[in-house]
C-alpha cells in the first residue's frame, strides 16, 4: 500500500471531522441560540459536509480495500464521518496501525533503488 492512500484518507478525515463540528456548532447557534446568520452558515456547511463526506467514503473504502480490513472495521471507519469528533480518533488509530505497514512496503522499494 502506498503512503498517498493513507495521506488522502487522513486529509479527508480531518476535513470531514472539522466540517461536522462546524455543522453541529451551527445547528446549536441556529436552533438553541437563535443567532442571526446561523441559518445561512448551516446551509453552506451542511452542503459542503455532505459532498465531502461522499469523497471521504470513497477514500476510506479504498484504504480499507487496500489494507484488507474486515467488514466490521471498514463500517466503523466509514461511519466515523457521521459522529462528531469520531473522525479524529479513528483517523489517529488507523494512521498508527497503517504507518508500520506503509513503511514496510516502502522499505523493499528503497532497498532496490
PDB file of N, CA and C in Angstrom:
ATOM      1  N   UNK A   1       0.849  -1.176   0.000  1.00  0.00           N
ATOM      2  CA  UNK A   1       0.000   0.000   0.000  1.00  0.00           C
ATOM      3  C   UNK A   1       0.896   1.242   0.000  1.00  0.00           C
ATOM      4  N   UNK A   2       0.507   2.222  -0.776  1.00  0.00           N
ATOM      5  CA  UNK A   2       1.285   3.452  -0.895  1.00  0.00           C
ATOM      6  C   UNK A   2       0.906   4.448   0.202  1.00  0.00           C
ATOM      7  N   UNK A   3       1.864   5.277   0.535  1.00  0.00           N
ATOM      8  CA  UNK A   3       1.635   6.305   1.547  1.00  0.00           C
ATOM      9  C   UNK A   3       0.579   7.309   1.089  1.00  0.00           C
ATOM     10  N   UNK A   4       0.468   7.524  -0.221  1.00  0.00           N
ATOM     11  CA  UNK A   4      -0.504   8.501  -0.734  1.00  0.00           C
ATOM     12  C   UNK A   4      -1.943   8.101  -0.396  1.00  0.00           C
ATOM     13  N   UNK A   5      -2.210   6.802  -0.336  1.00  0.00           N
ATOM     14  CA  UNK A   5      -3.556   6.334   0.022  1.00  0.00           C
ATOM     15  C   UNK A   5      -3.876   6.741   1.460  1.00  0.00           C
ATOM     16  N   UNK A   6      -2.925   6.541   2.345  1.00  0.00           N
ATOM     17  CA  UNK A   6      -3.110   6.915   3.750  1.00  0.00           C
ATOM     18  C   UNK A   6      -3.192   8.435   3.906  1.00  0.00           C
ATOM     19  N   UNK A   7      -2.385   9.159   3.157  1.00  0.00           N
ATOM     20  CA  UNK A   7      -2.405  10.624   3.224  1.00  0.00           C
ATOM     21  C   UNK A   7      -3.746  11.178   2.761  1.00  0.00           C
ATOM     22  N   UNK A   8      -4.284  10.629   1.680  1.00  0.00           N
ATOM     23  CA  UNK A   8      -5.610  11.067   1.208  1.00  0.00           C
ATOM     24  C   UNK A   8      -6.667  10.813   2.271  1.00  0.00           C
ATOM     25  N   UNK A   9      -6.609   9.634   2.894  1.00  0.00           N
ATOM     26  CA  UNK A   9      -7.579   9.314   3.943  1.00  0.00           C
ATOM     27  C   UNK A   9      -7.456  10.294   5.110  1.00  0.00           C
ATOM     28  N   UNK A  10      -6.233  10.554   5.539  1.00  0.00           N
ATOM     29  CA  UNK A  10      -6.030  11.454   6.676  1.00  0.00           C
ATOM     30  C   UNK A  10      -6.577  12.847   6.379  1.00  0.00           C
ATOM     31  N   UNK A  11      -6.311  13.356   5.182  1.00  0.00           N
ATOM     32  CA  UNK A  11      -6.799  14.690   4.810  1.00  0.00           C
ATOM     33  C   UNK A  11      -8.323  14.731   4.806  1.00  0.00           C
ATOM     34  N   UNK A  12      -8.947  13.722   4.231  1.00  0.00           N
ATOM     35  CA  UNK A  12     -10.409  13.706   4.167  1.00  0.00           C
ATOM     36  C   UNK A  12     -11.024  13.496   5.548  1.00  0.00           C
ATOM     37  N   UNK A  13     -10.376  12.712   6.404  1.00  0.00           N
ATOM     38  CA  UNK A  13     -10.894  12.508   7.762  1.00  0.00           C
ATOM     39  C   UNK A  13     -10.875  13.822   8.540  1.00  0.00           C
ATOM     40  N   UNK A  14      -9.773  14.556   8.452  1.00  0.00           N
ATOM     41  CA  UNK A  14      -9.702  15.847   9.139  1.00  0.00           C
ATOM     42  C   UNK A  14     -10.734  16.821   8.590  1.00  0.00           C
ATOM     43  N   UNK A  15     -10.823  16.909   7.280  1.00  0.00           N
ATOM     44  CA  UNK A  15     -11.753  17.850   6.661  1.00  0.00           C
ATOM     45  C   UNK A  15     -13.202  17.516   7.016  1.00  0.00           C
ATOM     46  N   UNK A  16     -13.548  16.239   6.933  1.00  0.00           N
ATOM     47  CA  UNK A  16     -14.901  15.807   7.279  1.00  0.00           C
ATOM     48  C   UNK A  16     -15.193  16.064   8.758  1.00  0.00           C
ATOM     49  N   UNK A  17     -14.226  15.777   9.612  1.00  0.00           N
ATOM     50  CA  UNK A  17     -14.406  15.997  11.043  1.00  0.00           C
ATOM     51  C   UNK A  17     -14.593  17.462  11.396  1.00  0.00           C
ATOM     52  N   UNK A  18     -13.789  18.326  10.796  1.00  0.00           N
ATOM     53  CA  UNK A  18     -13.903  19.763  11.062  1.00  0.00           C
ATOM     54  C   UNK A  18     -15.251  20.288  10.584  1.00  0.00           C
ATOM     55  N   UNK A  19     -15.657  19.887   9.382  1.00  0.00           N
ATOM     56  CA  UNK A  19     -16.945  20.357   8.866  1.00  0.00           C
ATOM     57  C   UNK A  19     -18.111  19.852   9.709  1.00  0.00           C
ATOM     58  N   UNK A  20     -18.009  18.634  10.220  1.00  0.00           N
ATOM     59  CA  UNK A  20     -19.085  18.112  11.056  1.00  0.00           C
ATOM     60  C   UNK A  20     -19.174  18.872  12.378  1.00  0.00           C
ATOM     61  N   UNK A  21     -18.040  19.216  12.950  1.00  0.00           N
ATOM     62  CA  UNK A  21     -18.052  20.014  14.179  1.00  0.00           C
ATOM     63  C   UNK A  21     -18.636  21.400  13.903  1.00  0.00           C
ATOM     64  N   UNK A  22     -18.222  22.013  12.788  1.00  0.00           N
ATOM     65  CA  UNK A  22     -18.787  23.316  12.421  1.00  0.00           C
ATOM     66  C   UNK A  22     -20.293  23.222  12.202  1.00  0.00           C
ATOM     67  N   UNK A  23     -20.728  22.128  11.589  1.00  0.00           N
ATOM     68  CA  UNK A  23     -22.160  21.935  11.362  1.00  0.00           C
ATOM     69  C   UNK A  23     -22.910  21.816  12.689  1.00  0.00           C
ATOM     70  N   UNK A  24     -22.357  21.067  13.621  1.00  0.00           N
ATOM     71  CA  UNK A  24     -23.002  20.931  14.936  1.00  0.00           C
ATOM     72  C   UNK A  24     -23.062  22.276  15.664  1.00  0.00           C
ATOM     73  N   UNK A  25     -21.976  23.030  15.609  1.00  0.00           N
ATOM     74  CA  UNK A  25     -21.977  24.355  16.235  1.00  0.00           C
ATOM     75  C   UNK A  25     -22.980  25.282  15.551  1.00  0.00           C
ATOM     76  N   UNK A  26     -23.077  25.187  14.237  1.00  0.00           N
ATOM     77  CA  UNK A  26     -24.056  25.989  13.505  1.00  0.00           C
ATOM     78  C   UNK A  26     -25.479  25.629  13.874  1.00  0.00           C
ATOM     79  N   UNK A  27     -25.742  24.339  14.051  1.00  0.00           N
ATOM     80  CA  UNK A  27     -27.085  23.900  14.454  1.00  0.00           C
ATOM     81  C   UNK A  27     -27.434  24.409  15.852  1.00  0.00           C
ATOM     82  N   UNK A  28     -26.455  24.376  16.739  1.00  0.00           N
ATOM     83  CA  UNK A  28     -26.687  24.906  18.088  1.00  0.00           C
ATOM     84  C   UNK A  28     -26.983  26.400  18.020  1.00  0.00           C
ATOM     85  N   UNK A  29     -26.188  27.114  17.211  1.00  0.00           N
ATOM     86  CA  UNK A  29     -26.404  28.559  17.069  1.00  0.00           C
ATOM     87  C   UNK A  29     -27.758  28.854  16.433  1.00  0.00           C
ATOM     88  N   UNK A  30     -28.157  28.024  15.495  1.00  0.00           N
ATOM     89  CA  UNK A  30     -29.415  28.260  14.778  1.00  0.00           C
ATOM     90  C   UNK A  30     -30.635  27.942  15.640  1.00  0.00           C
ATOM     91  N   UNK A  31     -30.647  26.776  16.266  1.00  0.00           N
ATOM     92  CA  UNK A  31     -31.857  26.323  16.953  1.00  0.00           C
ATOM     93  C   UNK A  31     -31.910  26.655  18.445  1.00  0.00           C
ATOM     94  N   UNK A  32     -30.773  26.671  19.113  1.00  0.00           N
ATOM     95  CA  UNK A  32     -30.794  26.936  20.555  1.00  0.00           C
ATOM     96  C   UNK A  32     -30.522  28.396  20.897  1.00  0.00           C
ATOM     97  N   UNK A  33     -29.605  29.013  20.167  1.00  0.00           N
ATOM     98  CA  UNK A  33     -29.217  30.382  20.494  1.00  0.00           C
ATOM     99  C   UNK A  33     -29.884  31.426  19.611  1.00  0.00           C
ATOM    100  N   UNK A  34     -30.530  30.992  18.551  1.00  0.00           N
ATOM    101  CA  UNK A  34     -31.240  31.882  17.621  1.00  0.00           C
ATOM    102  C   UNK A  34     -30.342  33.025  17.128  1.00  0.00           C
ATOM    103  N   UNK A  35     -29.157  32.651  16.632  1.00  0.00           N
ATOM    104  CA  UNK A  35     -28.175  33.618  16.145  1.00  0.00           C
ATOM    105  C   UNK A  35     -28.514  34.015  14.713  1.00  0.00           C
ATOM    106  N   UNK A  36     -28.450  35.316  14.423  1.00  0.00           N
ATOM    107  CA  UNK A  36     -28.674  35.794  13.059  1.00  0.00           C
ATOM    108  C   UNK A  36     -27.551  35.295  12.151  1.00  0.00           C
ATOM    109  N   UNK A  37     -27.902  34.825  10.980  1.00  0.00           N
ATOM    110  CA  UNK A  37     -26.916  34.337  10.028  1.00  0.00           C
ATOM    111  C   UNK A  37     -26.558  32.877  10.207  1.00  0.00           C
ATOM    112  N   UNK A  38     -27.013  32.270  11.279  1.00  0.00           N
ATOM    113  CA  UNK A  38     -26.682  30.866  11.524  1.00  0.00           C
ATOM    114  C   UNK A  38     -27.335  29.955  10.497  1.00  0.00           C
ATOM    115  N   UNK A  39     -28.499  30.339   9.997  1.00  0.00           N
ATOM    116  CA  UNK A  39     -29.187  29.507   9.001  1.00  0.00           C
ATOM    117  C   UNK A  39     -28.380  29.434   7.712  1.00  0.00           C
ATOM    118  N   UNK A  40     -27.845  30.565   7.271  1.00  0.00           N
ATOM    119  CA  UNK A  40     -27.022  30.574   6.059  1.00  0.00           C
ATOM    120  C   UNK A  40     -25.735  29.782   6.265  1.00  0.00           C
ATOM    121  N   UNK A  41     -25.104  29.990   7.413  1.00  0.00           N
ATOM    122  CA  UNK A  41     -23.877  29.262   7.736  1.00  0.00           C
ATOM    123  C   UNK A  41     -24.135  27.761   7.745  1.00  0.00           C
ATOM    124  N   UNK A  42     -25.215  27.351   8.398  1.00  0.00           N
ATOM    125  CA  UNK A  42     -25.559  25.934   8.491  1.00  0.00           C
ATOM    126  C   UNK A  42     -25.844  25.344   7.119  1.00  0.00           C
ATOM    127  N   UNK A  43     -26.525  26.088   6.278  1.00  0.00           N
ATOM    128  CA  UNK A  43     -26.841  25.598   4.933  1.00  0.00           C
ATOM    129  C   UNK A  43     -25.558  25.359   4.133  1.00  0.00           C
ATOM    130  N   UNK A  44     -24.640  26.303   4.176  1.00  0.00           N
ATOM    131  CA  UNK A  44     -23.389  26.181   3.423  1.00  0.00           C
ATOM    132  C   UNK A  44     -22.540  25.029   3.952  1.00  0.00           C
ATOM    133  N   UNK A  45     -22.385  24.958   5.266  1.00  0.00           N
ATOM    134  CA  UNK A  45     -21.553  23.911   5.862  1.00  0.00           C
ATOM    135  C   UNK A  45     -22.176  22.535   5.654  1.00  0.00           C
ATOM    136  N   UNK A  46     -23.501  22.433   5.728  1.00  0.00           N
ATOM    137  CA  UNK A  46     -24.140  21.122   5.544  1.00  0.00           C
ATOM    138  C   UNK A  46     -23.961  20.617   4.119  1.00  0.00           C
ATOM    139  N   UNK A  47     -24.047  21.505   3.149  1.00  0.00           N
ATOM    140  CA  UNK A  47     -23.827  21.095   1.757  1.00  0.00           C
ATOM    141  C   UNK A  47     -22.378  20.663   1.562  1.00  0.00           C
ATOM    142  N   UNK A  48     -21.441  21.449   2.092  1.00  0.00           N
ATOM    143  CA  UNK A  48     -20.023  21.101   1.964  1.00  0.00           C
ATOM    144  C   UNK A  48     -19.726  19.772   2.647  1.00  0.00           C
ATOM    145  N   UNK A  49     -20.249  19.590   3.856  1.00  0.00           N
ATOM    146  CA  UNK A  49     -20.009  18.333   4.567  1.00  0.00           C
ATOM    147  C   UNK A  49     -20.630  17.155   3.810  1.00  0.00           C
ATOM    148  N   UNK A  50     -21.813  17.337   3.282  1.00  0.00           N
ATOM    149  CA  UNK A  50     -22.468  16.253   2.548  1.00  0.00           C
ATOM    150  C   UNK A  50     -21.664  15.794   1.345  1.00  0.00           C
ATOM    151  N   UNK A  51     -21.202  16.737   0.550  1.00  0.00           N
ATOM    152  CA  UNK A  51     -20.415  16.368  -0.635  1.00  0.00           C
ATOM    153  C   UNK A  51     -19.055  15.790  -0.252  1.00  0.00           C
ATOM    154  N   UNK A  52     -18.411  16.405   0.720  1.00  0.00           N
ATOM    155  CA  UNK A  52     -17.092  15.907   1.108  1.00  0.00           C
ATOM    156  C   UNK A  52     -17.181  14.588   1.870  1.00  0.00           C
ATOM    157  N   UNK A  53     -18.299  14.322   2.509  1.00  0.00           N
ATOM    158  CA  UNK A  53     -18.469  13.017   3.150  1.00  0.00           C
ATOM    159  C   UNK A  53     -18.518  11.909   2.100  1.00  0.00           C
ATOM    160  N   UNK A  54     -19.120  12.188   0.957  1.00  0.00           N
ATOM    161  CA  UNK A  54     -19.135  11.201  -0.130  1.00  0.00           C
ATOM    162  C   UNK A  54     -17.706  10.924  -0.590  1.00  0.00           C
ATOM    163  N   UNK A  55     -16.897  11.966  -0.716  1.00  0.00           N
ATOM    164  CA  UNK A  55     -15.487  11.779  -1.086  1.00  0.00           C
ATOM    165  C   UNK A  55     -14.769  10.992   0.006  1.00  0.00           C
ATOM    166  N   UNK A  56     -15.052  11.312   1.273  1.00  0.00           N
ATOM    167  CA  UNK A  56     -14.471  10.577   2.398  1.00  0.00           C
ATOM    168  C   UNK A  56     -14.825   9.093   2.321  1.00  0.00           C
ATOM    169  N   UNK A  57     -16.071   8.783   1.987  1.00  0.00           N
ATOM    170  CA  UNK A  57     -16.486   7.383   1.862  1.00  0.00           C
ATOM    171  C   UNK A  57     -15.667   6.651   0.806  1.00  0.00           C
ATOM    172  N   UNK A  58     -15.479   7.278  -0.336  1.00  0.00           N
ATOM    173  CA  UNK A  58     -14.710   6.654  -1.419  1.00  0.00           C
ATOM    174  C   UNK A  58     -13.261   6.438  -0.988  1.00  0.00           C
ATOM    175  N   UNK A  59     -12.661   7.459  -0.389  1.00  0.00           N
ATOM    176  CA  UNK A  59     -11.263   7.374   0.035  1.00  0.00           C
ATOM    177  C   UNK A  59     -11.097   6.344   1.150  1.00  0.00           C
ATOM    178  N   UNK A  60     -11.999   6.338   2.123  1.00  0.00           N
ATOM    179  CA  UNK A  60     -11.913   5.380   3.231  1.00  0.00           C
ATOM    180  C   UNK A  60     -12.153   3.957   2.745  1.00  0.00           C
ATOM    181  N   UNK A  61     -13.073   3.782   1.806  1.00  0.00           N
ATOM    182  CA  UNK A  61     -13.311   2.444   1.258  1.00  0.00           C
ATOM    183  C   UNK A  61     -12.086   1.960   0.498  1.00  0.00           C
ATOM    184  N   UNK A  62     -11.458   2.839  -0.261  1.00  0.00           N
ATOM    185  CA  UNK A  62     -10.237   2.488  -0.986  1.00  0.00           C
ATOM    186  C   UNK A  62      -9.140   2.075  -0.011  1.00  0.00           C
ATOM    187  N   UNK A  63      -8.982   2.829   1.071  1.00  0.00           N
ATOM    188  CA  UNK A  63      -7.983   2.493   2.081  1.00  0.00           C
ATOM    189  C   UNK A  63      -8.281   1.135   2.707  1.00  0.00           C
ATOM    190  N   UNK A  64      -9.539   0.906   3.066  1.00  0.00           N
ATOM    191  CA  UNK A  64      -9.912  -0.370   3.678  1.00  0.00           C
ATOM    192  C   UNK A  64      -9.703  -1.549   2.750  1.00  0.00           C
ATOM    193  N   UNK A  65      -9.985  -1.357   1.473  1.00  0.00           N
ATOM    194  CA  UNK A  65      -9.781  -2.435   0.500  1.00  0.00           C
ATOM    195  C   UNK A  65      -8.298  -2.750   0.350  1.00  0.00           C
ATOM    196  N   UNK A  66      -7.470  -1.723   0.309  1.00  0.00           N
ATOM    197  CA  UNK A  66      -6.027  -1.942   0.156  1.00  0.00           C
ATOM    198  C   UNK A  66      -5.391  -2.471   1.436  1.00  0.00           C
ATOM    199  N   UNK A  67      -5.964  -2.124   2.590  1.00  0.00           N
ATOM    200  CA  UNK A  67      -5.457  -2.626   3.867  1.00  0.00           C
ATOM    201  C   UNK A  67      -6.040  -3.996   4.206  1.00  0.00           C
ATOM    202  N   UNK A  68      -7.019  -4.437   3.424  1.00  0.00           N
ATOM    203  CA  UNK A  68      -7.680  -5.744   3.610  1.00  0.00           C
ATOM    204  C   UNK A  68      -8.308  -5.874   4.997  1.00  0.00           C
ATOM    205  N   UNK A  69      -9.122  -4.869   5.333  1.00  0.00           N
ATOM    206  CA  UNK A  69      -9.821  -4.874   6.609  1.00  0.00           C
ATOM    207  C   UNK A  69     -11.039  -5.780   6.561  1.00  0.00           C
ATOM    208  N   UNK A  70     -11.474  -6.200   7.758  1.00  0.00           N
ATOM    209  CA  UNK A  70     -12.750  -6.901   7.883  1.00  0.00           C
ATOM    210  C   UNK A  70     -13.876  -5.899   7.635  1.00  0.00           C
ATOM    211  N   UNK A  71     -15.039  -6.412   7.299  1.00  0.00           N
ATOM    212  CA  UNK A  71     -16.187  -5.549   7.007  1.00  0.00           C
ATOM    213  C   UNK A  71     -16.556  -4.702   8.228  1.00  0.00           C
ATOM    214  N   UNK A  72     -16.489  -5.274   9.418  1.00  0.00           N
ATOM    215  CA  UNK A  72     -16.863  -4.522  10.621  1.00  0.00           C
ATOM    216  C   UNK A  72     -15.946  -3.317  10.835  1.00  0.00           C
ATOM    217  N   UNK A  73     -14.670  -3.497  10.619  1.00  0.00           N
ATOM    218  CA  UNK A  73     -13.736  -2.375  10.767  1.00  0.00           C
ATOM    219  C   UNK A  73     -13.977  -1.338   9.677  1.00  0.00           C
ATOM    220  N   UNK A  74     -14.223  -1.814   8.475  1.00  0.00           N
ATOM    221  CA  UNK A  74     -14.498  -0.911   7.356  1.00  0.00           C
ATOM    222  C   UNK A  74     -15.731  -0.048   7.658  1.00  0.00           C
ATOM    223  N   UNK A  75     -16.780  -0.664   8.174  1.00  0.00           N
ATOM    224  CA  UNK A  75     -18.001   0.084   8.503  1.00  0.00           C
ATOM    225  C   UNK A  75     -17.751   1.124   9.585  1.00  0.00           C
ATOM    226  N   UNK A  76     -16.965   0.766  10.596  1.00  0.00           N
ATOM    227  CA  UNK A  76     -16.670   1.713  11.666  1.00  0.00           C
ATOM    228  C   UNK A  76     -15.936   2.932  11.113  1.00  0.00           C
ATOM    229  N   UNK A  77     -14.962   2.708  10.243  1.00  0.00           N
ATOM    230  CA  UNK A  77     -14.210   3.819   9.654  1.00  0.00           C
ATOM    231  C   UNK A  77     -15.127   4.662   8.770  1.00  0.00           C
ATOM    232  N   UNK A  78     -16.005   4.025   8.012  1.00  0.00           N
ATOM    233  CA  UNK A  78     -16.920   4.758   7.141  1.00  0.00           C
ATOM    234  C   UNK A  78     -17.909   5.602   7.946  1.00  0.00           C
ATOM    235  N   UNK A  79     -18.381   5.080   9.063  1.00  0.00           N
ATOM    236  CA  UNK A  79     -19.349   5.810   9.893  1.00  0.00           C
ATOM    237  C   UNK A  79     -18.713   6.908  10.744  1.00  0.00           C
ATOM    238  N   UNK A  80     -17.397   6.889  10.871  1.00  0.00           N
ATOM    239  CA  UNK A  80     -16.721   7.885  11.711  1.00  0.00           C
ATOM    240  C   UNK A  80     -16.964   9.312  11.230  1.00  0.00           C
ATOM    241  N   UNK A  81     -17.256   9.473   9.950  1.00  0.00           N
ATOM    242  CA  UNK A  81     -17.524  10.808   9.423  1.00  0.00           C
ATOM    243  C   UNK A  81     -18.898  11.345   9.763  1.00  0.00           C
ATOM    244  N   UNK A  82     -19.712  10.549  10.448  1.00  0.00           N
ATOM    245  CA  UNK A  82     -21.061  10.992  10.810  1.00  0.00           C
ATOM    246  C   UNK A  82     -21.209  11.271  12.302  1.00  0.00           C
ATOM    247  N   UNK A  83     -20.191  10.955  13.080  1.00  0.00           N
ATOM    248  CA  UNK A  83     -20.237  11.153  14.529  1.00  0.00           C
ATOM    249  C   UNK A  83     -19.259  12.280  14.879  1.00  0.00           C
ATOM    250  N   UNK A  84     -19.739  13.373  15.464  1.00  0.00           N
ATOM    251  CA  UNK A  84     -18.834  14.486  15.768  1.00  0.00           C
ATOM    252  C   UNK A  84     -17.620  14.034  16.579  1.00  0.00           C
ATOM    253  N   UNK A  85     -16.469  14.429  16.167  1.00  0.00           N
ATOM    254  CA  UNK A  85     -15.131  14.152  16.715  1.00  0.00           C
ATOM    255  C   UNK A  85     -14.656  12.717  16.514  1.00  0.00           C
ATOM    256  N   UNK A  86     -15.497  11.798  16.096  1.00  0.00           N
ATOM    257  CA  UNK A  86     -15.059  10.411  15.912  1.00  0.00           C
ATOM    258  C   UNK A  86     -14.031  10.290  14.796  1.00  0.00           C
ATOM    259  N   UNK A  87     -14.144  11.105  13.769  1.00  0.00           N
ATOM    260  CA  UNK A  87     -13.205  11.027  12.647  1.00  0.00           C
ATOM    261  C   UNK A  87     -11.770  11.248  13.116  1.00  0.00           C
ATOM    262  N   UNK A  88     -11.578  12.114  14.092  1.00  0.00           N
ATOM    263  CA  UNK A  88     -10.226  12.395  14.578  1.00  0.00           C
ATOM    264  C   UNK A  88      -9.637  11.194  15.314  1.00  0.00           C
ATOM    265  N   UNK A  89     -10.439  10.559  16.157  1.00  0.00           N
ATOM    266  CA  UNK A  89      -9.954   9.413  16.923  1.00  0.00           C
ATOM    267  C   UNK A  89      -9.720   8.202  16.026  1.00  0.00           C
ATOM    268  N   UNK A  90     -10.637   7.964  15.110  1.00  0.00           N
ATOM    269  CA  UNK A  90     -10.496   6.825  14.201  1.00  0.00           C
ATOM    270  C   UNK A  90      -9.308   7.051  13.273  1.00  0.00           C
ATOM    271  N   UNK A  91      -9.138   8.272  12.791  1.00  0.00           N
ATOM    272  CA  UNK A  91      -8.005   8.580  11.908  1.00  0.00           C
ATOM    273  C   UNK A  91      -6.692   8.321  12.620  1.00  0.00           C
ATOM    274  N   UNK A  92      -6.599   8.724  13.866  1.00  0.00           N
ATOM    275  CA  UNK A  92      -5.361   8.528  14.629  1.00  0.00           C
ATOM    276  C   UNK A  92      -5.050   7.044  14.791  1.00  0.00           C
ATOM    277  N   UNK A  93      -6.058   6.265  15.121  1.00  0.00           N
ATOM    278  CA  UNK A  93      -5.850   4.828  15.305  1.00  0.00           C
ATOM    279  C   UNK A  93      -5.469   4.154  13.988  1.00  0.00           C
ATOM    280  N   UNK A  94      -6.160   4.503  12.917  1.00  0.00           N
ATOM    281  CA  UNK A  94      -5.874   3.924  11.600  1.00  0.00           C
ATOM    282  C   UNK A  94      -4.467   4.305  11.153  1.00  0.00           C
ATOM    283  N   UNK A  95      -4.090   5.556  11.360  1.00  0.00           N
ATOM    284  CA  UNK A  95      -2.756   6.006  10.953  1.00  0.00           C
ATOM    285  C   UNK A  95      -1.666   5.275  11.720  1.00  0.00           C
ATOM    286  N   UNK A  96      -1.845   5.101  13.010  1.00  0.00           N
ATOM    287  CA  UNK A  96      -0.858   4.370  13.802  1.00  0.00           C
ATOM    288  C   UNK A  96      -0.729   2.933  13.323  1.00  0.00           C
ATOM    289  N   UNK A  97      -1.852   2.323  13.019  1.00  0.00           N
ATOM    290  CA  UNK A  97      -1.844   0.930  12.566  1.00  0.00           C
ATOM    291  C   UNK A  97      -1.177   0.780  11.200  1.00  0.00           C
ATOM    292  N   UNK A  98      -1.497   1.681  10.286  1.00  0.00           N
ATOM    293  CA  UNK A  98      -1.043   1.516   8.908  1.00  0.00           C
ATOM    294  C   UNK A  98       0.311   2.142   8.618  1.00  0.00           C
ATOM    295  N   UNK A  99       0.812   3.019   9.484  1.00  0.00           N
ATOM    296  CA  UNK A  99       2.140   3.592   9.261  1.00  0.00           C
ATOM    297  C   UNK A  99       3.205   2.506   9.179  1.00  0.00           C
ATOM    298  N   UNK A 100       3.099   1.504  10.032  1.00  0.00           N
ATOM    299  CA  UNK A 100       4.065   0.408  10.009  1.00  0.00           C
ATOM    300  C   UNK A 100       3.959  -0.393   8.711  1.00  0.00           C
ATOM    301  N   UNK A 101       2.741  -0.638   8.254  1.00  0.00           N
ATOM    302  CA  UNK A 101       2.558  -1.375   7.002  1.00  0.00           C
ATOM    303  C   UNK A 101       3.090  -0.596   5.810  1.00  0.00           C
ATOM    304  N   UNK A 102       2.857   0.699   5.808  1.00  0.00           N
ATOM    305  CA  UNK A 102       3.338   1.538   4.706  1.00  0.00           C
ATOM    306  C   UNK A 102       4.862   1.583   4.711  1.00  0.00           C
ATOM    307  N   UNK A 103       5.460   1.723   5.888  1.00  0.00           N
ATOM    308  CA  UNK A 103       6.918   1.753   5.989  1.00  0.00           C
ATOM    309  C   UNK A 103       7.519   0.429   5.536  1.00  0.00           C
ATOM    310  N   UNK A 104       6.871  -0.674   5.892  1.00  0.00           N
ATOM    311  CA  UNK A 104       7.362  -1.989   5.476  1.00  0.00           C
ATOM    312  C   UNK A 104       7.256  -2.163   3.965  1.00  0.00           C
ATOM    313  N   UNK A 105       6.206  -1.631   3.380  1.00  0.00           N
ATOM    314  CA  UNK A 105       6.031  -1.736   1.933  1.00  0.00           C
ATOM    315  C   UNK A 105       7.022  -0.846   1.192  1.00  0.00           C
ATOM    316  N   UNK A 106       7.395   0.283   1.789  1.00  0.00           N
ATOM    317  CA  UNK A 106       8.336   1.195   1.145  1.00  0.00           C
ATOM    318  C   UNK A 106       9.782   0.755   1.319  1.00  0.00           C
ATOM    319  N   UNK A 107      10.090  -0.009   2.360  1.00  0.00           N
ATOM    320  CA  UNK A 107      11.463  -0.426   2.630  1.00  0.00           C
ATOM    321  C   UNK A 107      12.054  -1.267   1.495  1.00  0.00           C
ATOM    322  N   UNK A 108      11.361  -2.293   0.978  1.00  0.00           N
ATOM    323  CA  UNK A 108      11.945  -3.054  -0.137  1.00  0.00           C
ATOM    324  C   UNK A 108      12.140  -2.202  -1.391  1.00  0.00           C
ATOM    325  N   UNK A 109      11.249  -1.264  -1.621  1.00  0.00           N
ATOM    326  CA  UNK A 109      11.372  -0.394  -2.792  1.00  0.00           C
ATOM    327  C   UNK A 109      12.600   0.502  -2.657  1.00  0.00           C
ATOM    328  N   UNK A 110      12.865   0.983  -1.454  1.00  0.00           N
ATOM    329  CA  UNK A 110      14.037   1.828  -1.227  1.00  0.00           C
ATOM    330  C   UNK A 110      15.321   1.012  -1.315  1.00  0.00           C
ATOM    331  N   UNK A 111      15.278  -0.244  -0.884  1.00  0.00           N
ATOM    332  CA  UNK A 111      16.460  -1.101  -0.930  1.00  0.00           C
ATOM    333  C   UNK A 111      16.843  -1.445  -2.367  1.00  0.00           C
ATOM    334  N   UNK A 112      15.861  -1.577  -3.245  1.00  0.00           N
ATOM    335  CA  UNK A 112      16.128  -1.905  -4.647  1.00  0.00           C
ATOM    336  C   UNK A 112      16.714  -0.719  -5.403  1.00  0.00           C
ATOM    337  N   UNK A 113      16.392   0.479  -4.981  1.00  0.00           N
ATOM    338  CA  UNK A 113      16.825   1.678  -5.719  1.00  0.00           C
ATOM    339  C   UNK A 113      18.253   2.034  -5.477  1.00  0.00           C
TER     340      UNK A 113
END
